[in-house]
N, C-alpha and C. Protein backbone atom coordinates (compact mmCIF):
# COMPACT_ATOMS: atom_id res chain seq x y z
N MET A 1 77.73 44.32 100.58
CA MET A 1 79.12 43.92 100.57
C MET A 1 79.88 44.73 101.62
N TYR A 2 80.83 44.10 102.25
CA TYR A 2 81.60 44.73 103.32
C TYR A 2 82.74 45.55 102.75
N ASP A 3 82.85 46.77 103.17
CA ASP A 3 83.96 47.63 102.77
C ASP A 3 85.15 47.31 103.68
N GLN A 4 86.22 46.81 103.11
CA GLN A 4 87.39 46.40 103.89
C GLN A 4 88.03 47.57 104.64
N ASN A 5 87.73 48.80 104.27
CA ASN A 5 88.26 49.96 104.97
C ASN A 5 87.28 50.49 106.01
N SER A 6 86.22 49.75 106.26
CA SER A 6 85.20 50.16 107.22
C SER A 6 85.78 50.19 108.63
N ASN A 7 85.17 50.97 109.48
CA ASN A 7 85.61 51.04 110.87
C ASN A 7 84.72 50.18 111.77
N GLU A 8 84.11 49.14 111.21
CA GLU A 8 83.28 48.20 111.96
C GLU A 8 83.82 46.78 111.75
N PRO A 9 84.95 46.46 112.40
CA PRO A 9 85.59 45.17 112.14
C PRO A 9 84.97 43.98 112.87
N TRP A 10 84.17 44.23 113.92
CA TRP A 10 83.57 43.13 114.68
C TRP A 10 82.23 42.77 114.07
N ALA A 11 82.00 41.48 113.85
CA ALA A 11 80.76 41.05 113.22
C ALA A 11 80.17 39.86 113.96
N ILE A 12 78.85 39.86 114.09
CA ILE A 12 78.12 38.68 114.57
C ILE A 12 77.71 37.93 113.32
N VAL A 13 78.05 36.64 113.30
CA VAL A 13 77.71 35.82 112.14
C VAL A 13 76.83 34.66 112.57
N ARG A 14 75.98 34.25 111.64
CA ARG A 14 75.12 33.07 111.84
C ARG A 14 75.79 31.92 111.11
N LEU A 15 76.06 30.83 111.84
CA LEU A 15 76.71 29.68 111.24
C LEU A 15 75.70 28.83 110.49
N ILE A 16 75.97 28.60 109.22
CA ILE A 16 75.11 27.76 108.39
C ILE A 16 75.68 26.35 108.34
N SER A 17 76.98 26.26 108.20
CA SER A 17 77.72 25.00 108.24
C SER A 17 79.10 25.33 108.81
N PRO A 18 79.93 24.32 109.09
CA PRO A 18 81.24 24.63 109.67
C PRO A 18 82.10 25.60 108.84
N MET A 19 81.91 25.62 107.55
CA MET A 19 82.73 26.49 106.70
C MET A 19 81.93 27.61 106.03
N GLN A 20 80.69 27.79 106.43
CA GLN A 20 79.85 28.80 105.78
C GLN A 20 79.09 29.59 106.84
N TRP A 21 79.13 30.93 106.71
CA TRP A 21 78.42 31.78 107.63
C TRP A 21 77.93 33.04 106.94
N VAL A 22 76.95 33.69 107.59
CA VAL A 22 76.34 34.91 107.06
C VAL A 22 76.46 35.99 108.13
N VAL A 23 76.92 37.16 107.72
CA VAL A 23 77.04 38.28 108.66
C VAL A 23 75.64 38.79 109.00
N VAL A 24 75.36 38.88 110.30
CA VAL A 24 74.08 39.40 110.77
C VAL A 24 74.18 40.91 110.96
N THR A 25 75.24 41.35 111.64
CA THR A 25 75.45 42.78 111.89
C THR A 25 76.90 43.04 112.24
N ARG A 26 77.31 44.31 112.17
CA ARG A 26 78.70 44.70 112.43
C ARG A 26 78.76 45.79 113.51
N TYR A 27 79.91 45.84 114.20
CA TYR A 27 80.10 46.79 115.30
C TYR A 27 81.50 47.37 115.28
N ARG A 28 81.61 48.55 115.84
CA ARG A 28 82.93 49.18 116.00
C ARG A 28 83.68 48.60 117.18
N SER A 29 82.97 48.34 118.26
CA SER A 29 83.65 47.89 119.48
C SER A 29 83.31 46.44 119.80
N ARG A 30 84.28 45.76 120.38
CA ARG A 30 84.10 44.36 120.75
C ARG A 30 83.05 44.23 121.85
N VAL A 31 83.04 45.18 122.77
CA VAL A 31 82.09 45.13 123.89
C VAL A 31 80.65 45.16 123.38
N ASP A 32 80.36 46.05 122.44
CA ASP A 32 79.01 46.12 121.87
C ASP A 32 78.66 44.83 121.15
N ALA A 33 79.62 44.30 120.40
CA ALA A 33 79.38 43.06 119.66
C ALA A 33 79.11 41.90 120.62
N GLU A 34 79.90 41.78 121.68
CA GLU A 34 79.70 40.69 122.65
C GLU A 34 78.36 40.81 123.35
N ARG A 35 77.96 42.02 123.68
CA ARG A 35 76.67 42.25 124.34
C ARG A 35 75.51 41.80 123.44
N ASN A 36 75.58 42.15 122.18
CA ASN A 36 74.51 41.77 121.26
C ASN A 36 74.58 40.31 120.86
N LEU A 37 75.77 39.73 120.86
CA LEU A 37 75.91 38.29 120.62
C LEU A 37 75.20 37.52 121.73
N LYS A 38 75.39 37.94 122.95
CA LYS A 38 74.72 37.29 124.09
C LYS A 38 73.20 37.39 123.93
N PHE A 39 72.72 38.55 123.53
CA PHE A 39 71.29 38.74 123.32
C PHE A 39 70.76 37.82 122.22
N CYS A 40 71.48 37.74 121.09
CA CYS A 40 71.07 36.87 119.98
C CYS A 40 70.98 35.42 120.44
N ARG A 41 71.98 34.98 121.19
CA ARG A 41 72.00 33.59 121.66
C ARG A 41 70.85 33.31 122.62
N GLN A 42 70.46 34.28 123.42
CA GLN A 42 69.35 34.10 124.35
C GLN A 42 68.01 34.07 123.62
N GLN A 43 67.85 34.91 122.62
CA GLN A 43 66.58 35.02 121.91
C GLN A 43 66.33 33.88 120.94
N ILE A 44 67.40 33.40 120.29
CA ILE A 44 67.25 32.34 119.28
C ILE A 44 68.28 31.25 119.59
N ALA A 45 67.97 30.43 120.56
CA ALA A 45 68.92 29.43 121.06
C ALA A 45 69.23 28.34 120.05
N GLU A 46 68.32 28.05 119.13
CA GLU A 46 68.54 26.94 118.19
C GLU A 46 69.46 27.31 117.03
N ILE A 47 69.80 28.59 116.88
CA ILE A 47 70.71 29.03 115.82
C ILE A 47 72.06 29.35 116.44
N LYS A 48 73.14 28.94 115.77
CA LYS A 48 74.48 29.20 116.28
C LYS A 48 74.99 30.53 115.75
N PHE A 49 75.41 31.38 116.69
CA PHE A 49 76.00 32.67 116.37
C PHE A 49 77.43 32.69 116.90
N GLU A 50 78.30 33.39 116.19
CA GLU A 50 79.68 33.56 116.63
C GLU A 50 80.10 35.00 116.39
N LEU A 51 81.17 35.39 117.07
CA LEU A 51 81.75 36.71 116.90
C LEU A 51 83.03 36.57 116.10
N VAL A 52 83.18 37.37 115.06
CA VAL A 52 84.39 37.32 114.24
C VAL A 52 84.98 38.73 114.11
N PHE A 53 86.28 38.77 113.90
CA PHE A 53 86.99 40.03 113.71
C PHE A 53 87.61 40.03 112.32
N GLU A 54 87.27 41.05 111.54
CA GLU A 54 87.86 41.23 110.22
C GLU A 54 88.54 42.59 110.21
N PRO A 55 89.86 42.61 110.39
CA PRO A 55 90.55 43.91 110.45
C PRO A 55 90.46 44.66 109.13
N PRO A 56 90.48 45.99 109.20
CA PRO A 56 90.43 46.77 107.97
C PRO A 56 91.67 46.52 107.12
N ASN A 57 91.50 46.58 105.82
CA ASN A 57 92.60 46.43 104.89
C ASN A 57 93.13 47.82 104.57
N ASN A 58 94.32 48.14 105.08
CA ASN A 58 94.87 49.49 104.92
C ASN A 58 95.75 49.63 103.68
N GLN A 59 95.74 48.67 102.80
CA GLN A 59 96.55 48.76 101.58
C GLN A 59 95.86 49.68 100.59
N SER A 60 96.64 50.47 99.89
CA SER A 60 96.07 51.40 98.90
C SER A 60 95.96 50.76 97.54
């Protein structure tokens, strides 16, 4: 489960359907996430991957 206060808001997700996805991995920086997203797309072209941003929830 994702900790909403985590410092890894960037996630690569695998699209299962238009409204359903599974988190593959998380990153602190967008640059790292984009680099690995490109790698995932090159290695497994038949699966759709996307980059998503889930900001931390700072509410107490």
